Every structure is written in structure tokens, then in C-alpha cells.
Amino acid sequence: MINRDDATAIIELVKTMTLTRDEFAKSLAAFAGRPVDIVDGEAELPAGDAGRVAVRFVALPPRRLGGLLLLPQARVTVVLDGLTEPEAAAFLKRFDLAFQRGGG
């Protein structure tokens, strides 16, 4: 994290997620409320009053569970730039909810 004098920071989070590129695009569109341009696995979103967020998708080898179940894997990097701490927290809460998946 890089702190700045204006109470904002650059924050980079890396998550390993179980989703395909198509699922990533659909979840990102649901999060943004509109289709999002994804170029070379990366999308940019406005956030907060003057911030921006870059979200990168990199497919990883699938993970096999129990010999029968093969799960897609991806490294998703979220870089928040120019957001205050409350803006960053709100963005990440919404992001996690948009990418949450049910099971059972």
C-alpha cells in the first residue's frame, strides 16, 4: 500500500477465485450495472469521488477435487487508486458481494 498526503492510497489485493473468464465478465457487469470492456483480461472502473479501480483476470490451471470435480481457478487482482479508506471499504464490500456464489 502506498499512502498519499490527500488521505488516499494505492491498494492492491490478489485473490484466487473459482471462476471462468465468462463468469468473471458476467460478475463484473453485474457489479458495474452495465457491460464492462475487458481488454487482455483487465478492466477499469471509476470509483469514489475521483478514484479508479483496475481489475485483472489471469486464468490458472484448474483444481481437481476428489478425482471427479474439476474447478476453474483464476488470479484476480484488484488495484484501488485514489480512494479514501471508506470508499475503498465500500467498493470491496460491493465487489465481494457481486462475485459471491451460492452453493449447497
N, C-alpha and C. Protein backbone atom coordinates (compact mmCIF):
# COMPACT_ATOMS: atom_id res chain seq x y z
N MET A 1 0.85 -1.17 0.00
CA MET A 1 0.00 0.00 0.00
C MET A 1 0.90 1.23 0.00
N ILE A 2 0.58 2.21 -0.85
CA ILE A 2 1.30 3.47 -0.91
C ILE A 2 0.37 4.55 -0.41
N ASN A 3 0.72 5.21 0.70
CA ASN A 3 -0.09 6.29 1.23
C ASN A 3 0.27 7.60 0.55
N ARG A 4 -0.70 8.49 0.46
CA ARG A 4 -0.51 9.80 -0.12
C ARG A 4 -0.92 10.86 0.89
N ASP A 5 -0.55 12.09 0.62
CA ASP A 5 -0.90 13.18 1.52
C ASP A 5 -2.39 13.50 1.52
N ASP A 6 -3.12 13.14 0.47
CA ASP A 6 -4.54 13.51 0.36
C ASP A 6 -5.48 12.45 0.94
N ALA A 7 -4.99 11.61 1.84
CA ALA A 7 -5.78 10.59 2.53
C ALA A 7 -6.25 9.46 1.61
N THR A 8 -5.58 9.29 0.49
CA THR A 8 -5.88 8.16 -0.39
C THR A 8 -4.64 7.27 -0.46
N ALA A 9 -4.81 6.09 -1.00
CA ALA A 9 -3.70 5.15 -1.12
C ALA A 9 -3.91 4.29 -2.36
N ILE A 10 -2.83 3.68 -2.80
CA ILE A 10 -2.94 2.64 -3.83
C ILE A 10 -2.93 1.32 -3.08
N ILE A 11 -3.99 0.55 -3.25
CA ILE A 11 -4.14 -0.72 -2.56
C ILE A 11 -4.25 -1.81 -3.62
N GLU A 12 -3.47 -2.86 -3.48
CA GLU A 12 -3.53 -3.99 -4.40
C GLU A 12 -3.88 -5.25 -3.63
N LEU A 13 -4.96 -5.89 -4.05
CA LEU A 13 -5.40 -7.15 -3.46
C LEU A 13 -5.34 -8.23 -4.52
N VAL A 14 -4.85 -9.39 -4.15
CA VAL A 14 -4.79 -10.52 -5.06
C VAL A 14 -5.63 -11.64 -4.46
N LYS A 15 -6.56 -12.15 -5.27
CA LYS A 15 -7.46 -13.21 -4.80
C LYS A 15 -7.36 -14.39 -5.77
N THR A 16 -7.40 -15.58 -5.22
CA THR A 16 -7.57 -16.77 -6.05
C THR A 16 -9.05 -17.10 -6.01
N MET A 17 -9.68 -17.10 -7.19
CA MET A 17 -11.12 -17.28 -7.26
C MET A 17 -11.44 -18.48 -8.15
N THR A 18 -12.56 -19.08 -7.88
CA THR A 18 -13.04 -20.22 -8.66
C THR A 18 -14.06 -19.70 -9.66
N LEU A 19 -13.56 -19.29 -10.83
CA LEU A 19 -14.46 -18.81 -11.88
C LEU A 19 -13.74 -18.81 -13.22
N THR A 20 -14.55 -18.87 -14.28
CA THR A 20 -14.03 -18.82 -15.64
C THR A 20 -13.99 -17.37 -16.11
N ARG A 21 -13.39 -17.15 -17.26
CA ARG A 21 -13.34 -15.80 -17.84
C ARG A 21 -14.75 -15.27 -18.10
N ASP A 22 -15.66 -16.12 -18.60
CA ASP A 22 -17.04 -15.70 -18.85
C ASP A 22 -17.76 -15.34 -17.55
N GLU A 23 -17.56 -16.15 -16.50
CA GLU A 23 -18.17 -15.84 -15.21
C GLU A 23 -17.62 -14.53 -14.64
N PHE A 24 -16.33 -14.29 -14.85
CA PHE A 24 -15.70 -13.04 -14.42
C PHE A 24 -16.37 -11.85 -15.12
N ALA A 25 -16.55 -11.96 -16.44
CA ALA A 25 -17.17 -10.87 -17.21
C ALA A 25 -18.61 -10.62 -16.74
N LYS A 26 -19.37 -11.69 -16.52
CA LYS A 26 -20.76 -11.54 -16.07
C LYS A 26 -20.83 -10.91 -14.68
N SER A 27 -19.98 -11.36 -13.77
CA SER A 27 -19.99 -10.81 -12.41
C SER A 27 -19.53 -9.35 -12.41
N LEU A 28 -18.56 -9.02 -13.24
CA LEU A 28 -18.09 -7.64 -13.32
C LEU A 28 -19.18 -6.73 -13.89
N ALA A 29 -19.92 -7.22 -14.88
CA ALA A 29 -21.03 -6.44 -15.45
C ALA A 29 -22.14 -6.26 -14.41
N ALA A 30 -22.42 -7.30 -13.63
CA ALA A 30 -23.43 -7.19 -12.56
C ALA A 30 -22.98 -6.17 -11.53
N PHE A 31 -21.71 -6.18 -11.19
CA PHE A 31 -21.16 -5.24 -10.23
C PHE A 31 -21.28 -3.80 -10.74
N ALA A 32 -20.92 -3.59 -12.00
CA ALA A 32 -20.92 -2.23 -12.57
C ALA A 32 -22.31 -1.77 -12.99
N GLY A 33 -23.24 -2.71 -13.15
CA GLY A 33 -24.58 -2.35 -13.60
C GLY A 33 -24.65 -2.10 -15.09
N ARG A 34 -23.63 -2.56 -15.80
CA ARG A 34 -23.55 -2.39 -17.26
C ARG A 34 -22.45 -3.30 -17.78
N PRO A 35 -22.45 -3.61 -19.08
CA PRO A 35 -21.33 -4.38 -19.63
C PRO A 35 -20.02 -3.60 -19.45
N VAL A 36 -18.95 -4.31 -19.17
CA VAL A 36 -17.65 -3.69 -18.94
C VAL A 36 -16.68 -4.18 -20.00
N ASP A 37 -15.92 -3.25 -20.58
CA ASP A 37 -14.90 -3.63 -21.55
C ASP A 37 -13.74 -4.29 -20.81
N ILE A 38 -13.41 -5.50 -21.23
CA ILE A 38 -12.28 -6.23 -20.65
C ILE A 38 -11.28 -6.44 -21.78
N VAL A 39 -10.13 -5.81 -21.65
CA VAL A 39 -9.10 -5.88 -22.68
C VAL A 39 -7.89 -6.61 -22.10
N ASP A 40 -7.49 -7.70 -22.73
CA ASP A 40 -6.37 -8.51 -22.26
C ASP A 40 -6.54 -8.89 -20.79
N GLY A 41 -7.77 -9.22 -20.39
CA GLY A 41 -8.04 -9.66 -19.04
C GLY A 41 -8.13 -8.55 -18.00
N GLU A 42 -8.13 -7.29 -18.43
CA GLU A 42 -8.16 -6.18 -17.48
C GLU A 42 -9.29 -5.21 -17.80
N ALA A 43 -9.92 -4.73 -16.73
CA ALA A 43 -10.99 -3.74 -16.86
C ALA A 43 -10.71 -2.60 -15.88
N GLU A 44 -11.13 -1.40 -16.25
CA GLU A 44 -11.01 -0.25 -15.36
C GLU A 44 -12.39 0.26 -15.03
N LEU A 45 -12.58 0.61 -13.77
CA LEU A 45 -13.86 1.11 -13.29
C LEU A 45 -13.64 2.40 -12.52
N PRO A 46 -14.53 3.39 -12.69
CA PRO A 46 -14.44 4.56 -11.82
C PRO A 46 -14.92 4.18 -10.43
N ALA A 47 -14.42 4.87 -9.44
CA ALA A 47 -14.82 4.57 -8.06
C ALA A 47 -14.62 5.79 -7.19
N GLY A 48 -15.50 5.93 -6.21
CA GLY A 48 -15.39 7.06 -5.29
C GLY A 48 -15.56 8.37 -6.02
N ASP A 49 -15.08 9.44 -5.39
CA ASP A 49 -15.20 10.76 -5.98
C ASP A 49 -14.25 10.96 -7.14
N ALA A 50 -13.02 10.48 -7.01
CA ALA A 50 -12.03 10.73 -8.07
C ALA A 50 -11.11 9.54 -8.27
N GLY A 51 -11.50 8.37 -7.78
CA GLY A 51 -10.63 7.22 -7.87
C GLY A 51 -10.91 6.36 -9.08
N ARG A 52 -10.08 5.35 -9.21
CA ARG A 52 -10.27 4.36 -10.26
C ARG A 52 -9.82 3.01 -9.72
N VAL A 53 -10.37 1.97 -10.32
CA VAL A 53 -10.02 0.61 -9.90
C VAL A 53 -9.72 -0.20 -11.15
N ALA A 54 -8.59 -0.88 -11.14
CA ALA A 54 -8.25 -1.81 -12.22
C ALA A 54 -8.46 -3.22 -11.67
N VAL A 55 -9.12 -4.06 -12.47
CA VAL A 55 -9.38 -5.44 -12.08
C VAL A 55 -8.79 -6.32 -13.18
N ARG A 56 -7.87 -7.22 -12.77
CA ARG A 56 -7.21 -8.09 -13.75
C ARG A 56 -7.56 -9.55 -13.49
N PHE A 57 -7.81 -10.28 -14.57
CA PHE A 57 -8.14 -11.71 -14.52
C PHE A 57 -7.03 -12.48 -15.21
N VAL A 58 -6.47 -13.48 -14.53
CA VAL A 58 -5.49 -14.39 -15.13
C VAL A 58 -5.94 -15.81 -14.82
N ALA A 59 -6.23 -16.58 -15.87
CA ALA A 59 -6.65 -17.97 -15.67
C ALA A 59 -5.48 -18.78 -15.12
N LEU A 60 -5.78 -19.65 -14.17
CA LEU A 60 -4.81 -20.57 -13.60
C LEU A 60 -5.22 -21.99 -13.96
N PRO A 61 -4.33 -22.96 -13.79
CA PRO A 61 -4.75 -24.34 -14.04
C PRO A 61 -5.91 -24.72 -13.13
N PRO A 62 -6.84 -25.51 -13.63
CA PRO A 62 -7.98 -25.92 -12.79
C PRO A 62 -7.52 -26.78 -11.62
N ARG A 63 -8.34 -26.80 -10.60
CA ARG A 63 -8.05 -27.59 -9.40
C ARG A 63 -8.98 -28.80 -9.38
N ARG A 64 -8.39 -29.96 -9.19
CA ARG A 64 -9.17 -31.20 -9.12
C ARG A 64 -9.43 -31.54 -7.66
N LEU A 65 -10.70 -31.82 -7.36
CA LEU A 65 -11.09 -32.21 -6.01
C LEU A 65 -11.69 -33.60 -6.05
N GLY A 66 -11.13 -34.50 -5.29
CA GLY A 66 -11.70 -35.84 -5.14
C GLY A 66 -11.68 -36.68 -6.39
N GLY A 67 -10.95 -36.32 -7.39
CA GLY A 67 -10.85 -37.13 -8.59
C GLY A 67 -11.96 -36.91 -9.60
N LEU A 68 -13.12 -36.40 -9.19
CA LEU A 68 -14.23 -36.22 -10.11
C LEU A 68 -14.52 -34.75 -10.42
N LEU A 69 -14.26 -33.89 -9.49
CA LEU A 69 -14.65 -32.48 -9.63
C LEU A 69 -13.45 -31.65 -10.07
N LEU A 70 -13.61 -30.93 -11.18
CA LEU A 70 -12.56 -30.06 -11.71
C LEU A 70 -13.08 -28.63 -11.65
N LEU A 71 -12.43 -27.78 -10.86
CA LEU A 71 -12.87 -26.39 -10.67
C LEU A 71 -11.95 -25.43 -11.39
N PRO A 72 -12.53 -24.47 -12.12
CA PRO A 72 -11.68 -23.46 -12.75
C PRO A 72 -11.06 -22.58 -11.67
N GLN A 73 -9.87 -22.08 -11.93
CA GLN A 73 -9.18 -21.20 -10.99
C GLN A 73 -8.70 -19.96 -11.73
N ALA A 74 -8.67 -18.84 -11.03
CA ALA A 74 -8.16 -17.60 -11.61
C ALA A 74 -7.53 -16.76 -10.52
N ARG A 75 -6.52 -16.00 -10.92
CA ARG A 75 -5.96 -14.99 -10.03
C ARG A 75 -6.61 -13.67 -10.45
N VAL A 76 -7.30 -13.04 -9.52
CA VAL A 76 -7.96 -11.76 -9.76
C VAL A 76 -7.26 -10.72 -8.89
N THR A 77 -6.72 -9.70 -9.55
CA THR A 77 -6.02 -8.64 -8.86
C THR A 77 -6.87 -7.38 -8.94
N VAL A 78 -7.08 -6.75 -7.79
CA VAL A 78 -7.87 -5.53 -7.70
C VAL A 78 -6.93 -4.43 -7.22
N VAL A 79 -6.75 -3.38 -8.04
CA VAL A 79 -5.89 -2.26 -7.67
C VAL A 79 -6.76 -1.03 -7.52
N LEU A 80 -6.85 -0.53 -6.29
CA LEU A 80 -7.65 0.65 -5.98
C LEU A 80 -6.70 1.85 -5.92
N ASP A 81 -7.02 2.90 -6.65
CA ASP A 81 -6.16 4.08 -6.72
C ASP A 81 -7.00 5.34 -6.52
N GLY A 82 -6.61 6.14 -5.55
CA GLY A 82 -7.27 7.43 -5.34
C GLY A 82 -8.55 7.36 -4.54
N LEU A 83 -8.77 6.28 -3.80
CA LEU A 83 -9.96 6.14 -2.98
C LEU A 83 -9.61 6.41 -1.52
N THR A 84 -10.52 7.05 -0.82
CA THR A 84 -10.34 7.19 0.62
C THR A 84 -10.59 5.83 1.26
N GLU A 85 -10.26 5.68 2.53
CA GLU A 85 -10.47 4.41 3.20
C GLU A 85 -11.94 3.99 3.20
N PRO A 86 -12.89 4.89 3.49
CA PRO A 86 -14.30 4.48 3.43
C PRO A 86 -14.73 4.11 2.00
N GLU A 87 -14.25 4.83 0.99
CA GLU A 87 -14.60 4.50 -0.41
C GLU A 87 -14.04 3.12 -0.77
N ALA A 88 -12.80 2.83 -0.38
CA ALA A 88 -12.19 1.54 -0.68
C ALA A 88 -12.95 0.41 0.00
N ALA A 89 -13.31 0.61 1.27
CA ALA A 89 -14.06 -0.42 2.00
C ALA A 89 -15.41 -0.68 1.35
N ALA A 90 -16.10 0.38 0.95
CA ALA A 90 -17.41 0.23 0.31
C ALA A 90 -17.27 -0.48 -1.03
N PHE A 91 -16.25 -0.11 -1.81
CA PHE A 91 -16.03 -0.74 -3.12
C PHE A 91 -15.79 -2.23 -2.93
N LEU A 92 -14.89 -2.60 -2.01
CA LEU A 92 -14.55 -4.01 -1.82
C LEU A 92 -15.72 -4.82 -1.29
N LYS A 93 -16.55 -4.24 -0.46
CA LYS A 93 -17.74 -4.93 0.03
C LYS A 93 -18.68 -5.25 -1.14
N ARG A 94 -18.93 -4.24 -1.99
CA ARG A 94 -19.79 -4.45 -3.17
C ARG A 94 -19.17 -5.47 -4.12
N PHE A 95 -17.85 -5.40 -4.33
CA PHE A 95 -17.15 -6.32 -5.22
C PHE A 95 -17.31 -7.75 -4.73
N ASP A 96 -17.06 -7.96 -3.43
CA ASP A 96 -17.19 -9.31 -2.88
C ASP A 96 -18.61 -9.84 -3.01
N LEU A 97 -19.61 -8.98 -2.78
CA LEU A 97 -21.00 -9.41 -2.94
C LEU A 97 -21.33 -9.77 -4.39
N ALA A 98 -20.82 -9.00 -5.34
CA ALA A 98 -21.09 -9.26 -6.76
C ALA A 98 -20.49 -10.58 -7.21
N PHE A 99 -19.36 -10.97 -6.59
CA PHE A 99 -18.68 -12.20 -7.01
C PHE A 99 -19.02 -13.39 -6.12
N GLN A 100 -19.87 -13.17 -5.12
CA GLN A 100 -20.28 -14.24 -4.21
C GLN A 100 -21.16 -15.23 -4.96
N ARG A 101 -20.94 -16.50 -4.69
CA ARG A 101 -21.74 -17.52 -5.35
C ARG A 101 -22.31 -18.45 -4.31
N GLY A 102 -23.51 -18.87 -4.56
CA GLY A 102 -24.17 -19.77 -3.61
C GLY A 102 -23.80 -21.21 -3.87
N GLY A 103 -24.03 -22.01 -2.92
CA GLY A 103 -23.75 -23.44 -3.08
C GLY A 103 -24.55 -24.20 -2.03
N GLY A 104 -24.40 -25.46 -2.07
CA GLY A 104 -25.09 -26.22 -1.05
C GLY A 104 -25.34 -27.62 -1.47
